[in-house]
Amino acid sequence: MFTKEGYWDVVPKIKSISFPVRGKFQVDLQDGRSVVMPISAFPSLKKVPTKERKNWYLIGGGVSWDSCPEVIHIEQILGDYNKFAHEA
């Protein structure tokens, strides 16, 4: 029998953003998970001045900054679900 453990039925939503160490970007999700990744994976974010990075805002399921022309969406953080989804 297949048991749905973990975050199977959870739709991930961004709760907060931080920059815990130089060159890293942390996304905390509403369900309690945290993802830390290199800023280098997001060239548009890398262009945001360090002092302005704390001034993020949520916009439609993603996050952005006034000085950033892009919105970073949850799919860009967690990856394309269809490419790694478990086939039952």
N, C-alpha and C. Protein backbone atom coordinates (compact mmCIF):
# COMPACT_ATOMS: atom_id res chain seq x y z
N MET A 1 0.83 -1.18 0.00
CA MET A 1 0.00 0.00 0.00
C MET A 1 0.89 1.25 0.00
N PHE A 2 0.52 2.22 -0.78
CA PHE A 2 1.27 3.47 -0.91
C PHE A 2 0.81 4.45 0.16
N THR A 3 1.74 4.94 0.96
CA THR A 3 1.44 5.91 2.00
C THR A 3 1.96 7.28 1.57
N LYS A 4 1.12 8.28 1.65
CA LYS A 4 1.52 9.64 1.28
C LYS A 4 2.15 10.32 2.49
N GLU A 5 3.46 10.23 2.58
CA GLU A 5 4.19 10.89 3.65
C GLU A 5 4.85 12.16 3.12
N GLY A 6 5.30 12.98 4.02
CA GLY A 6 6.03 14.17 3.62
C GLY A 6 5.11 15.29 3.14
N TYR A 7 5.47 15.89 2.02
CA TYR A 7 4.78 17.07 1.51
C TYR A 7 4.00 16.78 0.24
N TRP A 8 3.52 15.56 0.10
CA TRP A 8 2.86 15.09 -1.10
C TRP A 8 1.74 16.01 -1.58
N ASP A 9 0.87 16.41 -0.70
CA ASP A 9 -0.30 17.22 -1.07
C ASP A 9 -0.14 18.71 -0.78
N VAL A 10 1.06 19.14 -0.51
CA VAL A 10 1.30 20.54 -0.15
C VAL A 10 1.69 21.35 -1.38
N VAL A 11 1.04 22.49 -1.54
CA VAL A 11 1.43 23.43 -2.60
C VAL A 11 2.44 24.38 -1.97
N PRO A 12 3.69 24.37 -2.44
CA PRO A 12 4.70 25.22 -1.81
C PRO A 12 4.46 26.70 -2.06
N LYS A 13 4.58 27.48 -0.98
CA LYS A 13 4.41 28.93 -1.07
C LYS A 13 5.53 29.60 -0.29
N ILE A 14 6.08 30.65 -0.86
CA ILE A 14 7.18 31.37 -0.23
C ILE A 14 6.67 32.16 0.98
N LYS A 15 7.40 32.03 2.09
CA LYS A 15 7.09 32.78 3.31
C LYS A 15 8.07 33.94 3.48
N SER A 16 9.37 33.64 3.31
CA SER A 16 10.37 34.69 3.50
C SER A 16 11.64 34.38 2.72
N ILE A 17 12.46 35.40 2.58
CA ILE A 17 13.71 35.34 1.84
C ILE A 17 14.81 35.86 2.75
N SER A 18 15.99 35.23 2.69
CA SER A 18 17.13 35.76 3.44
C SER A 18 18.42 35.42 2.70
N PHE A 19 19.48 36.00 3.15
CA PHE A 19 20.80 35.79 2.57
C PHE A 19 21.73 35.43 3.72
N PRO A 20 21.74 34.14 4.15
CA PRO A 20 22.43 33.72 5.36
C PRO A 20 23.95 33.86 5.31
N VAL A 21 24.53 33.64 4.16
CA VAL A 21 25.98 33.79 3.99
C VAL A 21 26.25 34.37 2.60
N ARG A 22 27.41 34.91 2.45
CA ARG A 22 27.79 35.52 1.17
C ARG A 22 27.62 34.51 0.03
N GLY A 23 26.93 34.94 -1.02
CA GLY A 23 26.76 34.10 -2.20
C GLY A 23 25.62 33.10 -2.11
N LYS A 24 24.87 33.11 -1.02
CA LYS A 24 23.75 32.16 -0.84
C LYS A 24 22.44 32.91 -0.67
N PHE A 25 21.38 32.24 -1.09
CA PHE A 25 20.03 32.77 -1.10
C PHE A 25 19.16 31.72 -0.42
N GLN A 26 18.42 32.07 0.62
CA GLN A 26 17.57 31.11 1.33
C GLN A 26 16.11 31.50 1.16
N VAL A 27 15.30 30.49 0.82
CA VAL A 27 13.86 30.68 0.70
C VAL A 27 13.20 29.80 1.76
N ASP A 28 12.43 30.41 2.64
CA ASP A 28 11.66 29.67 3.64
C ASP A 28 10.24 29.57 3.13
N LEU A 29 9.70 28.35 3.15
CA LEU A 29 8.35 28.11 2.68
C LEU A 29 7.37 28.10 3.84
N GLN A 30 6.11 28.35 3.54
CA GLN A 30 5.07 28.39 4.56
C GLN A 30 4.89 27.06 5.28
N ASP A 31 5.28 25.95 4.63
CA ASP A 31 5.10 24.63 5.24
C ASP A 31 6.27 24.23 6.13
N GLY A 32 7.24 25.13 6.33
CA GLY A 32 8.35 24.86 7.23
C GLY A 32 9.65 24.47 6.55
N ARG A 33 9.62 24.18 5.27
CA ARG A 33 10.85 23.83 4.56
C ARG A 33 11.67 25.08 4.27
N SER A 34 12.97 24.88 4.13
CA SER A 34 13.88 25.94 3.73
C SER A 34 14.79 25.40 2.63
N VAL A 35 15.06 26.23 1.65
CA VAL A 35 15.93 25.85 0.55
C VAL A 35 17.02 26.91 0.45
N VAL A 36 18.27 26.45 0.45
CA VAL A 36 19.40 27.36 0.31
C VAL A 36 20.10 27.03 -1.00
N MET A 37 20.37 28.05 -1.80
CA MET A 37 20.99 27.84 -3.11
C MET A 37 21.94 28.98 -3.42
N PRO A 38 22.82 28.77 -4.40
CA PRO A 38 23.74 29.85 -4.77
C PRO A 38 23.04 30.96 -5.53
N ILE A 39 23.39 32.20 -5.22
CA ILE A 39 22.84 33.34 -5.94
C ILE A 39 23.22 33.26 -7.41
N SER A 40 24.34 32.64 -7.71
CA SER A 40 24.81 32.54 -9.10
C SER A 40 23.81 31.82 -10.00
N ALA A 41 22.90 31.05 -9.43
CA ALA A 41 21.87 30.37 -10.22
C ALA A 41 20.79 31.34 -10.71
N PHE A 42 20.80 32.56 -10.17
CA PHE A 42 19.81 33.58 -10.51
C PHE A 42 20.53 34.86 -10.93
N PRO A 43 20.96 34.95 -12.20
CA PRO A 43 21.72 36.13 -12.65
C PRO A 43 21.01 37.46 -12.40
N SER A 44 19.69 37.49 -12.51
CA SER A 44 18.97 38.76 -12.28
C SER A 44 19.08 39.18 -10.81
N LEU A 45 19.05 38.23 -9.89
CA LEU A 45 19.20 38.54 -8.47
C LEU A 45 20.63 38.97 -8.15
N LYS A 46 21.57 38.35 -8.82
CA LYS A 46 22.98 38.69 -8.61
C LYS A 46 23.24 40.17 -8.91
N LYS A 47 22.45 40.75 -9.81
CA LYS A 47 22.61 42.16 -10.19
C LYS A 47 21.99 43.13 -9.17
N VAL A 48 21.15 42.61 -8.28
CA VAL A 48 20.53 43.46 -7.25
C VAL A 48 21.61 43.82 -6.23
N PRO A 49 21.82 45.10 -5.97
CA PRO A 49 22.84 45.49 -4.98
C PRO A 49 22.59 44.82 -3.62
N THR A 50 23.67 44.42 -2.98
CA THR A 50 23.59 43.71 -1.70
C THR A 50 22.70 44.42 -0.69
N LYS A 51 22.81 45.72 -0.58
CA LYS A 51 22.02 46.48 0.40
C LYS A 51 20.53 46.46 0.07
N GLU A 52 20.17 46.24 -1.18
CA GLU A 52 18.77 46.24 -1.59
C GLU A 52 18.12 44.85 -1.52
N ARG A 53 18.90 43.81 -1.34
CA ARG A 53 18.35 42.44 -1.36
C ARG A 53 17.37 42.17 -0.23
N LYS A 54 17.49 42.89 0.88
CA LYS A 54 16.56 42.68 2.00
C LYS A 54 15.19 43.28 1.71
N ASN A 55 15.07 44.07 0.66
CA ASN A 55 13.82 44.74 0.32
C ASN A 55 13.01 43.96 -0.72
N TRP A 56 12.83 42.69 -0.50
CA TRP A 56 12.09 41.82 -1.41
C TRP A 56 10.60 41.95 -1.15
N TYR A 57 9.81 41.49 -2.11
CA TYR A 57 8.35 41.43 -1.93
C TYR A 57 7.79 40.25 -2.71
N LEU A 58 6.70 39.71 -2.21
CA LEU A 58 6.02 38.60 -2.88
C LEU A 58 5.13 39.16 -3.98
N ILE A 59 5.12 38.46 -5.09
CA ILE A 59 4.27 38.86 -6.21
C ILE A 59 3.80 37.58 -6.90
N GLY A 60 2.51 37.30 -6.78
CA GLY A 60 1.90 36.15 -7.43
C GLY A 60 2.64 34.83 -7.30
N GLY A 61 2.98 34.36 -6.19
CA GLY A 61 3.65 33.06 -6.06
C GLY A 61 5.15 33.11 -6.28
N GLY A 62 5.67 34.30 -6.48
CA GLY A 62 7.11 34.46 -6.68
C GLY A 62 7.62 35.58 -5.79
N VAL A 63 8.86 35.94 -6.01
CA VAL A 63 9.49 37.00 -5.23
C VAL A 63 10.27 37.90 -6.18
N SER A 64 10.33 39.19 -5.85
CA SER A 64 11.07 40.13 -6.68
C SER A 64 11.58 41.28 -5.82
N TRP A 65 12.30 42.17 -6.46
CA TRP A 65 12.88 43.36 -5.85
C TRP A 65 12.62 44.53 -6.78
N ASP A 66 12.56 45.74 -6.25
CA ASP A 66 12.33 46.92 -7.09
C ASP A 66 13.38 47.07 -8.18
N SER A 67 14.61 46.73 -7.86
CA SER A 67 15.69 46.89 -8.84
C SER A 67 15.94 45.64 -9.68
N CYS A 68 15.00 44.69 -9.63
CA CYS A 68 15.14 43.44 -10.39
C CYS A 68 13.99 43.34 -11.40
N PRO A 69 14.31 43.18 -12.69
CA PRO A 69 13.25 43.11 -13.69
C PRO A 69 12.53 41.76 -13.73
N GLU A 70 13.02 40.78 -13.00
CA GLU A 70 12.46 39.43 -13.03
C GLU A 70 11.71 39.11 -11.74
N VAL A 71 10.81 38.13 -11.85
CA VAL A 71 10.16 37.52 -10.69
C VAL A 71 10.72 36.11 -10.60
N ILE A 72 11.22 35.73 -9.44
CA ILE A 72 11.72 34.37 -9.25
C ILE A 72 10.57 33.56 -8.69
N HIS A 73 10.15 32.55 -9.46
CA HIS A 73 9.00 31.73 -9.10
C HIS A 73 9.43 30.48 -8.35
N ILE A 74 8.51 29.90 -7.61
CA ILE A 74 8.79 28.71 -6.81
C ILE A 74 9.32 27.56 -7.66
N GLU A 75 8.87 27.45 -8.91
CA GLU A 75 9.35 26.39 -9.79
C GLU A 75 10.84 26.55 -10.09
N GLN A 76 11.31 27.77 -10.13
CA GLN A 76 12.73 28.01 -10.37
C GLN A 76 13.56 27.62 -9.15
N ILE A 77 12.95 27.62 -8.00
CA ILE A 77 13.64 27.28 -6.75
C ILE A 77 13.62 25.77 -6.52
N LEU A 78 12.46 25.15 -6.68
CA LEU A 78 12.32 23.72 -6.40
C LEU A 78 12.57 22.83 -7.61
N GLY A 79 12.51 23.40 -8.81
CA GLY A 79 12.68 22.61 -10.02
C GLY A 79 11.34 22.25 -10.64
N ASP A 80 11.38 21.74 -11.84
CA ASP A 80 10.18 21.36 -12.58
C ASP A 80 9.63 20.05 -12.03
N TYR A 81 8.52 20.12 -11.34
CA TYR A 81 7.91 18.93 -10.72
C TYR A 81 7.73 17.80 -11.71
N ASN A 82 7.33 18.11 -12.92
CA ASN A 82 7.08 17.06 -13.92
C ASN A 82 8.33 16.28 -14.28
N LYS A 83 9.49 16.83 -14.06
CA LYS A 83 10.74 16.14 -14.39
C LYS A 83 11.21 15.22 -13.28
N PHE A 84 10.77 15.43 -12.05
CA PHE A 84 11.23 14.57 -10.95
C PHE A 84 10.11 13.86 -10.20
N ALA A 85 8.87 14.02 -10.66
CA ALA A 85 7.73 13.41 -9.97
C ALA A 85 7.83 11.89 -9.96
N HIS A 86 7.48 11.31 -8.85
CA HIS A 86 7.45 9.86 -8.70
C HIS A 86 6.27 9.30 -9.48
N GLU A 87 6.51 8.26 -10.23
CA GLU A 87 5.42 7.62 -10.96
C GLU A 87 4.93 6.43 -10.15
N ALA A 88 3.69 6.50 -9.71
CA ALA A 88 3.11 5.42 -8.88
C ALA A 88 2.73 4.23 -9.73
